[in-house]
Amino acid sequence: MLPTYQNGDLLVVRWNQQSETLPNSIKLGSVIVIERDERPGIFLIKRLQKSHGNKYWVEGDAEESTDSRSWGWVPPHEIRGKVIFRLARKRFD
């Protein structure tokens, strides 16, 4: 999610519960954490750009980001949480 987030930033995330569907608190433009079915255990930070029915379009902030521009729509069960805020690395150096 460069340039919004930098390596070393600490993110506070509200994680979805296993049985929870996409929370109402996640609105378009929110930064979310996704875990693709094809890559279990790898968490990706993306911005929620669009929703259509029960599918979601997510994009990274960088043009070269791997996201819905290459995967297509993301199902709601792949959305694992919402980024609440960040603590910038420079505060810790």
PDB file of N, CA and C in Angstrom:
ATOM      1  N   MET A   1       0.823  -1.208   0.000  1.00  0.00           N
ATOM      2  CA  MET A   1       0.000   0.000   0.000  1.00  0.00           C
ATOM      3  C   MET A   1       0.857   1.259   0.000  1.00  0.00           C
ATOM      4  N   LEU A   2       2.054   1.153  -0.558  1.00  0.00           N
ATOM      5  CA  LEU A   2       2.851   2.360  -0.735  1.00  0.00           C
ATOM      6  C   LEU A   2       2.101   3.303  -1.658  1.00  0.00           C
ATOM      7  N   PRO A   3       2.084   4.561  -1.479  1.00  0.00           N
ATOM      8  CA  PRO A   3       2.840   5.334  -0.499  1.00  0.00           C
ATOM      9  C   PRO A   3       2.090   5.567   0.821  1.00  0.00           C
ATOM     10  N   THR A   4       0.855   5.095   0.952  1.00  0.00           N
ATOM     11  CA  THR A   4       0.076   5.341   2.165  1.00  0.00           C
ATOM     12  C   THR A   4       0.726   4.735   3.392  1.00  0.00           C
ATOM     13  N   TYR A   5       1.160   3.490   3.287  1.00  0.00           N
ATOM     14  CA  TYR A   5       1.810   2.796   4.401  1.00  0.00           C
ATOM     15  C   TYR A   5       3.230   2.454   3.984  1.00  0.00           C
ATOM     16  N   GLN A   6       4.145   2.498   4.950  1.00  0.00           N
ATOM     17  CA  GLN A   6       5.553   2.201   4.704  1.00  0.00           C
ATOM     18  C   GLN A   6       5.934   0.918   5.424  1.00  0.00           C
ATOM     19  N   ASN A   7       6.973   0.233   4.946  1.00  0.00           N
ATOM     20  CA  ASN A   7       7.495  -0.933   5.655  1.00  0.00           C
ATOM     21  C   ASN A   7       7.830  -0.524   7.082  1.00  0.00           C
ATOM     22  N   GLY A   8       7.400  -1.320   8.032  1.00  0.00           N
ATOM     23  CA  GLY A   8       7.676  -1.036   9.431  1.00  0.00           C
ATOM     24  C   GLY A   8       6.556  -0.315  10.149  1.00  0.00           C
ATOM     25  N   ASP A   9       5.587   0.238   9.426  1.00  0.00           N
ATOM     26  CA  ASP A   9       4.435   0.854  10.086  1.00  0.00           C
ATOM     27  C   ASP A   9       3.681  -0.223  10.865  1.00  0.00           C
ATOM     28  N   LEU A  10       3.123   0.159  11.993  1.00  0.00           N
ATOM     29  CA  LEU A  10       2.285  -0.749  12.771  1.00  0.00           C
ATOM     30  C   LEU A  10       0.830  -0.423  12.484  1.00  0.00           C
ATOM     31  N   LEU A  11       0.050  -1.435  12.120  1.00  0.00           N
ATOM     32  CA  LEU A  11      -1.364  -1.235  11.807  1.00  0.00           C
ATOM     33  C   LEU A  11      -2.219  -1.875  12.877  1.00  0.00           C
ATOM     34  N   VAL A  12      -3.229  -1.154  13.310  1.00  0.00           N
ATOM     35  CA  VAL A  12      -4.223  -1.701  14.234  1.00  0.00           C
ATOM     36  C   VAL A  12      -5.410  -2.118  13.381  1.00  0.00           C
ATOM     37  N   VAL A  13      -5.784  -3.396  13.498  1.00  0.00           N
ATOM     38  CA  VAL A  13      -6.815  -3.978  12.635  1.00  0.00           C
ATOM     39  C   VAL A  13      -7.964  -4.504  13.481  1.00  0.00           C
ATOM     40  N   ARG A  14      -9.174  -4.242  13.052  1.00  0.00           N
ATOM     41  CA  ARG A  14     -10.354  -4.882  13.640  1.00  0.00           C
ATOM     42  C   ARG A  14     -10.602  -6.139  12.814  1.00  0.00           C
ATOM     43  N   TRP A  15     -10.302  -7.297  13.399  1.00  0.00           N
ATOM     44  CA  TRP A  15     -10.425  -8.565  12.700  1.00  0.00           C
ATOM     45  C   TRP A  15     -11.861  -9.048  12.727  1.00  0.00           C
ATOM     46  N   ASN A  16     -12.326  -9.612  11.618  1.00  0.00           N
ATOM     47  CA  ASN A  16     -13.647 -10.239  11.548  1.00  0.00           C
ATOM     48  C   ASN A  16     -13.593 -11.561  12.300  1.00  0.00           C
ATOM     49  N   GLN A  17     -14.690 -11.915  12.933  1.00  0.00           N
ATOM     50  CA  GLN A  17     -14.812 -13.232  13.544  1.00  0.00           C
ATOM     51  C   GLN A  17     -15.099 -14.236  12.428  1.00  0.00           C
ATOM     52  N   GLN A  18     -14.785 -15.499  12.640  1.00  0.00           N
ATOM     53  CA  GLN A  18     -14.983 -16.536  11.616  1.00  0.00           C
ATOM     54  C   GLN A  18     -16.400 -16.527  11.057  1.00  0.00           C
ATOM     55  N   SER A  19     -17.396 -16.398  11.922  1.00  0.00           N
ATOM     56  CA  SER A  19     -18.785 -16.486  11.470  1.00  0.00           C
ATOM     57  C   SER A  19     -19.334 -15.141  11.003  1.00  0.00           C
ATOM     58  N   GLU A  20     -18.558 -14.091  11.162  1.00  0.00           N
ATOM     59  CA  GLU A  20     -19.031 -12.750  10.848  1.00  0.00           C
ATOM     60  C   GLU A  20     -18.972 -12.490   9.339  1.00  0.00           C
ATOM     61  N   THR A  21     -20.012 -11.876   8.831  1.00  0.00           N
ATOM     62  CA  THR A  21     -19.988 -11.449   7.431  1.00  0.00           C
ATOM     63  C   THR A  21     -19.325 -10.076   7.373  1.00  0.00           C
ATOM     64  N   LEU A  22     -19.212  -9.522   6.207  1.00  0.00           N
ATOM     65  CA  LEU A  22     -18.573  -8.218   6.044  1.00  0.00           C
ATOM     66  C   LEU A  22     -19.265  -7.187   6.937  1.00  0.00           C
ATOM     67  N   PRO A  23     -18.529  -6.600   7.886  1.00  0.00           N
ATOM     68  CA  PRO A  23     -19.150  -5.649   8.808  1.00  0.00           C
ATOM     69  C   PRO A  23     -19.654  -4.397   8.092  1.00  0.00           C
ATOM     70  N   ASN A  24     -20.717  -3.837   8.636  1.00  0.00           N
ATOM     71  CA  ASN A  24     -21.266  -2.598   8.071  1.00  0.00           C
ATOM     72  C   ASN A  24     -20.288  -1.438   8.191  1.00  0.00           C
ATOM     73  N   SER A  25     -19.312  -1.557   9.103  1.00  0.00           N
ATOM     74  CA  SER A  25     -18.353  -0.469   9.308  1.00  0.00           C
ATOM     75  C   SER A  25     -17.364  -0.347   8.155  1.00  0.00           C
ATOM     76  N   ILE A  26     -17.341  -1.323   7.263  1.00  0.00           N
ATOM     77  CA  ILE A  26     -16.415  -1.251   6.125  1.00  0.00           C
ATOM     78  C   ILE A  26     -17.140  -0.598   4.960  1.00  0.00           C
ATOM     79  N   LYS A  27     -16.736   0.622   4.700  1.00  0.00           N
ATOM     80  CA  LYS A  27     -17.358   1.409   3.633  1.00  0.00           C
ATOM     81  C   LYS A  27     -16.365   1.566   2.478  1.00  0.00           C
ATOM     82  N   LEU A  28     -16.862   1.969   1.334  1.00  0.00           N
ATOM     83  CA  LEU A  28     -15.987   2.207   0.190  1.00  0.00           C
ATOM     84  C   LEU A  28     -14.901   3.195   0.595  1.00  0.00           C
ATOM     85  N   GLY A  29     -13.686   2.917   0.185  1.00  0.00           N
ATOM     86  CA  GLY A  29     -12.540   3.745   0.537  1.00  0.00           C
ATOM     87  C   GLY A  29     -11.804   3.260   1.772  1.00  0.00           C
ATOM     88  N   SER A  30     -12.408   2.337   2.522  1.00  0.00           N
ATOM     89  CA  SER A  30     -11.752   1.796   3.715  1.00  0.00           C
ATOM     90  C   SER A  30     -10.561   0.947   3.317  1.00  0.00           C
ATOM     91  N   VAL A  31      -9.562   0.925   4.189  1.00  0.00           N
ATOM     92  CA  VAL A  31      -8.404   0.047   3.994  1.00  0.00           C
ATOM     93  C   VAL A  31      -8.693  -1.246   4.742  1.00  0.00           C
ATOM     94  N   ILE A  32      -8.560  -2.365   4.038  1.00  0.00           N
ATOM     95  CA  ILE A  32      -8.935  -3.660   4.596  1.00  0.00           C
ATOM     96  C   ILE A  32      -7.784  -4.653   4.480  1.00  0.00           C
ATOM     97  N   VAL A  33      -7.915  -5.731   5.225  1.00  0.00           N
ATOM     98  CA  VAL A  33      -6.967  -6.839   5.158  1.00  0.00           C
ATOM     99  C   VAL A  33      -7.689  -7.987   4.472  1.00  0.00           C
ATOM    100  N   ILE A  34      -7.066  -8.543   3.444  1.00  0.00           N
ATOM    101  CA  ILE A  34      -7.657  -9.699   2.769  1.00  0.00           C
ATOM    102  C   ILE A  34      -6.688 -10.870   2.825  1.00  0.00           C
ATOM    103  N   GLU A  35      -7.240 -12.050   2.721  1.00  0.00           N
ATOM    104  CA  GLU A  35      -6.456 -13.289   2.630  1.00  0.00           C
ATOM    105  C   GLU A  35      -7.079 -14.090   1.498  1.00  0.00           C
ATOM    106  N   ARG A  36      -6.365 -14.189   0.394  1.00  0.00           N
ATOM    107  CA  ARG A  36      -6.869 -14.901  -0.778  1.00  0.00           C
ATOM    108  C   ARG A  36      -6.904 -16.402  -0.505  1.00  0.00           C
ATOM    109  N   ASP A  37      -7.931 -17.084  -1.000  1.00  0.00           N
ATOM    110  CA  ASP A  37      -8.029 -18.538  -0.858  1.00  0.00           C
ATOM    111  C   ASP A  37      -6.810 -19.235  -1.455  1.00  0.00           C
ATOM    112  N   GLU A  38      -6.259 -18.660  -2.537  1.00  0.00           N
ATOM    113  CA  GLU A  38      -5.115 -19.256  -3.226  1.00  0.00           C
ATOM    114  C   GLU A  38      -3.804 -19.087  -2.466  1.00  0.00           C
ATOM    115  N   ARG A  39      -3.779 -18.180  -1.468  1.00  0.00           N
ATOM    116  CA  ARG A  39      -2.546 -17.885  -0.727  1.00  0.00           C
ATOM    117  C   ARG A  39      -2.838 -17.823   0.775  1.00  0.00           C
ATOM    118  N   PRO A  40      -3.251 -18.933   1.365  1.00  0.00           N
ATOM    119  CA  PRO A  40      -3.584 -18.905   2.799  1.00  0.00           C
ATOM    120  C   PRO A  40      -2.378 -18.514   3.650  1.00  0.00           C
ATOM    121  N   GLY A  41      -2.652 -17.725   4.680  1.00  0.00           N
ATOM    122  CA  GLY A  41      -1.597 -17.274   5.576  1.00  0.00           C
ATOM    123  C   GLY A  41      -0.900 -16.005   5.133  1.00  0.00           C
ATOM    124  N   ILE A  42      -1.204 -15.521   3.927  1.00  0.00           N
ATOM    125  CA  ILE A  42      -0.617 -14.272   3.422  1.00  0.00           C
ATOM    126  C   ILE A  42      -1.704 -13.194   3.489  1.00  0.00           C
ATOM    127  N   PHE A  43      -1.463 -12.177   4.313  1.00  0.00           N
ATOM    128  CA  PHE A  43      -2.432 -11.097   4.481  1.00  0.00           C
ATOM    129  C   PHE A  43      -1.997  -9.903   3.652  1.00  0.00           C
ATOM    130  N   LEU A  44      -2.937  -9.344   2.908  1.00  0.00           N
ATOM    131  CA  LEU A  44      -2.676  -8.222   2.015  1.00  0.00           C
ATOM    132  C   LEU A  44      -3.499  -7.015   2.451  1.00  0.00           C
ATOM    133  N   ILE A  45      -2.918  -5.842   2.335  1.00  0.00           N
ATOM    134  CA  ILE A  45      -3.601  -4.598   2.677  1.00  0.00           C
ATOM    135  C   ILE A  45      -4.051  -3.949   1.372  1.00  0.00           C
ATOM    136  N   LYS A  46      -5.353  -3.698   1.262  1.00  0.00           N
ATOM    137  CA  LYS A  46      -5.911  -3.107   0.044  1.00  0.00           C
ATOM    138  C   LYS A  46      -6.994  -2.102   0.424  1.00  0.00           C
ATOM    139  N   ARG A  47      -7.388  -1.286  -0.547  1.00  0.00           N
ATOM    140  CA  ARG A  47      -8.460  -0.316  -0.345  1.00  0.00           C
ATOM    141  C   ARG A  47      -9.715  -0.826  -1.051  1.00  0.00           C
ATOM    142  N   LEU A  48     -10.835  -0.790  -0.349  1.00  0.00           N
ATOM    143  CA  LEU A  48     -12.115  -1.218  -0.918  1.00  0.00           C
ATOM    144  C   LEU A  48     -12.618  -0.128  -1.863  1.00  0.00           C
ATOM    145  N   GLN A  49     -12.682  -0.442  -3.152  1.00  0.00           N
ATOM    146  CA  GLN A  49     -13.047   0.545  -4.168  1.00  0.00           C
ATOM    147  C   GLN A  49     -14.508   0.467  -4.614  1.00  0.00           C
ATOM    148  N   LYS A  50     -15.018  -0.761  -4.755  1.00  0.00           N
ATOM    149  CA  LYS A  50     -16.380  -0.952  -5.279  1.00  0.00           C
ATOM    150  C   LYS A  50     -16.997  -2.181  -4.648  1.00  0.00           C
ATOM    151  N   SER A  51     -18.314  -2.195  -4.631  1.00  0.00           N
ATOM    152  CA  SER A  51     -19.021  -3.420  -4.256  1.00  0.00           C
ATOM    153  C   SER A  51     -20.131  -3.640  -5.270  1.00  0.00           C
ATOM    154  N   HIS A  52     -20.384  -4.910  -5.529  1.00  0.00           N
ATOM    155  CA  HIS A  52     -21.420  -5.268  -6.498  1.00  0.00           C
ATOM    156  C   HIS A  52     -22.053  -6.561  -6.009  1.00  0.00           C
ATOM    157  N   GLY A  53     -23.272  -6.449  -5.511  1.00  0.00           N
ATOM    158  CA  GLY A  53     -23.904  -7.637  -4.948  1.00  0.00           C
ATOM    159  C   GLY A  53     -23.107  -8.104  -3.753  1.00  0.00           C
ATOM    160  N   ASN A  54     -22.598  -9.303  -3.828  1.00  0.00           N
ATOM    161  CA  ASN A  54     -21.819  -9.876  -2.736  1.00  0.00           C
ATOM    162  C   ASN A  54     -20.356 -10.046  -3.138  1.00  0.00           C
ATOM    163  N   LYS A  55     -19.846  -9.113  -3.933  1.00  0.00           N
ATOM    164  CA  LYS A  55     -18.458  -9.151  -4.394  1.00  0.00           C
ATOM    165  C   LYS A  55     -17.845  -7.777  -4.188  1.00  0.00           C
ATOM    166  N   TYR A  56     -16.514  -7.771  -4.043  1.00  0.00           N
ATOM    167  CA  TYR A  56     -15.816  -6.534  -3.713  1.00  0.00           C
ATOM    168  C   TYR A  56     -14.608  -6.342  -4.601  1.00  0.00           C
ATOM    169  N   TRP A  57     -14.394  -5.090  -5.009  1.00  0.00           N
ATOM    170  CA  TRP A  57     -13.258  -4.714  -5.837  1.00  0.00           C
ATOM    171  C   TRP A  57     -12.266  -3.993  -4.935  1.00  0.00           C
ATOM    172  N   VAL A  58     -11.042  -4.527  -4.842  1.00  0.00           N
ATOM    173  CA  VAL A  58     -10.031  -3.947  -3.974  1.00  0.00           C
ATOM    174  C   VAL A  58      -8.801  -3.572  -4.795  1.00  0.00           C
ATOM    175  N   GLU A  59      -8.162  -2.479  -4.415  1.00  0.00           N
ATOM    176  CA  GLU A  59      -6.962  -2.036  -5.110  1.00  0.00           C
ATOM    177  C   GLU A  59      -5.942  -1.532  -4.113  1.00  0.00           C
ATOM    178  N   GLY A  60      -4.674  -1.759  -4.427  1.00  0.00           N
ATOM    179  CA  GLY A  60      -3.596  -1.135  -3.675  1.00  0.00           C
ATOM    180  C   GLY A  60      -3.456   0.298  -4.143  1.00  0.00           C
ATOM    181  N   ASP A  61      -2.762   1.115  -3.380  1.00  0.00           N
ATOM    182  CA  ASP A  61      -2.608   2.527  -3.754  1.00  0.00           C
ATOM    183  C   ASP A  61      -1.588   2.733  -4.868  1.00  0.00           C
ATOM    184  N   ALA A  62      -0.686   1.771  -5.078  1.00  0.00           N
ATOM    185  CA  ALA A  62       0.312   1.890  -6.139  1.00  0.00           C
ATOM    186  C   ALA A  62      -0.234   1.303  -7.434  1.00  0.00           C
ATOM    187  N   GLU A  63       0.112   1.908  -8.543  1.00  0.00           N
ATOM    188  CA  GLU A  63      -0.344   1.428  -9.855  1.00  0.00           C
ATOM    189  C   GLU A  63       0.085  -0.011 -10.128  1.00  0.00           C
ATOM    190  N   GLU A  64       1.272  -0.394  -9.643  1.00  0.00           N
ATOM    191  CA  GLU A  64       1.789  -1.733  -9.920  1.00  0.00           C
ATOM    192  C   GLU A  64       1.333  -2.767  -8.896  1.00  0.00           C
ATOM    193  N   SER A  65       0.398  -2.407  -8.045  1.00  0.00           N
ATOM    194  CA  SER A  65      -0.107  -3.321  -7.015  1.00  0.00           C
ATOM    195  C   SER A  65      -0.826  -4.522  -7.641  1.00  0.00           C
ATOM    196  N   THR A  66      -0.670  -5.680  -7.000  1.00  0.00           N
ATOM    197  CA  THR A  66      -1.425  -6.866  -7.397  1.00  0.00           C
ATOM    198  C   THR A  66      -2.734  -6.831  -6.624  1.00  0.00           C
ATOM    199  N   ASP A  67      -3.842  -6.778  -7.342  1.00  0.00           N
ATOM    200  CA  ASP A  67      -5.131  -6.574  -6.700  1.00  0.00           C
ATOM    201  C   ASP A  67      -6.251  -6.975  -7.654  1.00  0.00           C
ATOM    202  N   SER A  68      -7.438  -6.442  -7.468  1.00  0.00           N
ATOM    203  CA  SER A  68      -8.578  -6.813  -8.313  1.00  0.00           C
ATOM    204  C   SER A  68      -8.365  -6.491  -9.784  1.00  0.00           C
ATOM    205  N   ARG A  69      -7.430  -5.616 -10.080  1.00  0.00           N
ATOM    206  CA  ARG A  69      -7.127  -5.333 -11.488  1.00  0.00           C
ATOM    207  C   ARG A  69      -6.572  -6.564 -12.180  1.00  0.00           C
ATOM    208  N   SER A  70      -5.989  -7.490 -11.402  1.00  0.00           N
ATOM    209  CA  SER A  70      -5.522  -8.754 -11.991  1.00  0.00           C
ATOM    210  C   SER A  70      -6.362  -9.946 -11.535  1.00  0.00           C
ATOM    211  N   TRP A  71      -6.951  -9.920 -10.317  1.00  0.00           N
ATOM    212  CA  TRP A  71      -7.738 -11.042  -9.813  1.00  0.00           C
ATOM    213  C   TRP A  71      -9.209 -10.975 -10.181  1.00  0.00           C
ATOM    214  N   GLY A  72      -9.732  -9.756 -10.329  1.00  0.00           N
ATOM    215  CA  GLY A  72     -11.183  -9.592 -10.454  1.00  0.00           C
ATOM    216  C   GLY A  72     -11.810  -9.383  -9.074  1.00  0.00           C
ATOM    217  N   TRP A  73     -13.088  -9.631  -8.979  1.00  0.00           N
ATOM    218  CA  TRP A  73     -13.851  -9.394  -7.752  1.00  0.00           C
ATOM    219  C   TRP A  73     -13.439 -10.360  -6.650  1.00  0.00           C
ATOM    220  N   VAL A  74     -13.479  -9.873  -5.401  1.00  0.00           N
ATOM    221  CA  VAL A  74     -13.093 -10.652  -4.223  1.00  0.00           C
ATOM    222  C   VAL A  74     -14.372 -11.018  -3.455  1.00  0.00           C
ATOM    223  N   PRO A  75     -14.528 -12.289  -3.057  1.00  0.00           N
ATOM    224  CA  PRO A  75     -15.700 -12.675  -2.270  1.00  0.00           C
ATOM    225  C   PRO A  75     -15.569 -12.161  -0.827  1.00  0.00           C
ATOM    226  N   PRO A  76     -16.674 -11.955  -0.134  1.00  0.00           N
ATOM    227  CA  PRO A  76     -16.619 -11.372   1.216  1.00  0.00           C
ATOM    228  C   PRO A  76     -15.853 -12.208   2.230  1.00  0.00           C
ATOM    229  N   HIS A  77     -15.819 -13.524   2.077  1.00  0.00           N
ATOM    230  CA  HIS A  77     -15.104 -14.343   3.075  1.00  0.00           C
ATOM    231  C   HIS A  77     -13.592 -14.135   3.034  1.00  0.00           C
ATOM    232  N   GLU A  78     -13.076 -13.518   1.965  1.00  0.00           N
ATOM    233  CA  GLU A  78     -11.636 -13.241   1.898  1.00  0.00           C
ATOM    234  C   GLU A  78     -11.270 -11.942   2.615  1.00  0.00           C
ATOM    235  N   ILE A  79     -12.250 -11.159   2.996  1.00  0.00           N
ATOM    236  CA  ILE A  79     -11.989  -9.932   3.751  1.00  0.00           C
ATOM    237  C   ILE A  79     -11.890 -10.310   5.219  1.00  0.00           C
ATOM    238  N   ARG A  80     -10.704 -10.142   5.786  1.00  0.00           N
ATOM    239  CA  ARG A  80     -10.429 -10.601   7.149  1.00  0.00           C
ATOM    240  C   ARG A  80     -10.552  -9.513   8.198  1.00  0.00           C
ATOM    241  N   GLY A  81     -10.406  -8.242   7.802  1.00  0.00           N
ATOM    242  CA  GLY A  81     -10.491  -7.173   8.790  1.00  0.00           C
ATOM    243  C   GLY A  81     -10.371  -5.805   8.159  1.00  0.00           C
ATOM    244  N   LYS A  82     -10.490  -4.799   9.017  1.00  0.00           N
ATOM    245  CA  LYS A  82     -10.413  -3.400   8.587  1.00  0.00           C
ATOM    246  C   LYS A  82      -9.303  -2.713   9.374  1.00  0.00           C
ATOM    247  N   VAL A  83      -8.458  -1.962   8.664  1.00  0.00           N
ATOM    248  CA  VAL A  83      -7.412  -1.189   9.325  1.00  0.00           C
ATOM    249  C   VAL A  83      -8.078   0.002  10.009  1.00  0.00           C
ATOM    250  N   ILE A  84      -7.848   0.117  11.323  1.00  0.00           N
ATOM    251  CA  ILE A  84      -8.435   1.198  12.117  1.00  0.00           C
ATOM    252  C   ILE A  84      -7.525   2.423  12.118  1.00  0.00           C
ATOM    253  N   PHE A  85      -6.232   2.217  12.379  1.00  0.00           N
ATOM    254  CA  PHE A  85      -5.256   3.300  12.276  1.00  0.00           C
ATOM    255  C   PHE A  85      -3.847   2.733  12.189  1.00  0.00           C
ATOM    256  N   ARG A  86      -2.912   3.627  11.929  1.00  0.00           N
ATOM    257  CA  ARG A  86      -1.515   3.221  11.768  1.00  0.00           C
ATOM    258  C   ARG A  86      -0.645   4.047  12.694  1.00  0.00           C
ATOM    259  N   LEU A  87       0.407   3.410  13.172  1.00  0.00           N
ATOM    260  CA  LEU A  87       1.480   4.094  13.878  1.00  0.00           C
ATOM    261  C   LEU A  87       2.668   4.089  12.940  1.00  0.00           C
ATOM    262  N   ALA A  88       3.060   5.271  12.487  1.00  0.00           N
ATOM    263  CA  ALA A  88       4.136   5.379  11.505  1.00  0.00           C
ATOM    264  C   ALA A  88       5.473   4.961  12.099  1.00  0.00           C
ATOM    265  N   ARG A  89       6.254   4.256  11.329  1.00  0.00           N
ATOM    266  CA  ARG A  89       7.556   3.752  11.757  1.00  0.00           C
ATOM    267  C   ARG A  89       8.445   4.856  12.292  1.00  0.00           C
ATOM    268  N   LYS A  90       8.408   6.017  11.674  1.00  0.00           N
ATOM    269  CA  LYS A  90       9.320   7.097  12.051  1.00  0.00           C
ATOM    270  C   LYS A  90       9.134   7.509  13.513  1.00  0.00           C
ATOM    271  N   ARG A  91       7.983   7.210  14.089  1.00  0.00           N
ATOM    272  CA  ARG A  91       7.765   7.507  15.506  1.00  0.00           C
ATOM    273  C   ARG A  91       8.604   6.608  16.403  1.00  0.00           C
ATOM    274  N   PHE A  92       9.057   5.455  15.872  1.00  0.00           N
ATOM    275  CA  PHE A  92       9.773   4.480  16.671  1.00  0.00           C
ATOM    276  C   PHE A  92      11.277   4.532  16.441  1.00  0.00           C
ATOM    277  N   ASP A  93      11.732   5.243  15.434  1.00  0.00           N
ATOM    278  CA  ASP A  93      13.174   5.300  15.123  1.00  0.00           C
ATOM    279  C   ASP A  93      13.905   6.256  16.055  1.00  0.00           C
TER     280      ASP A  93
END
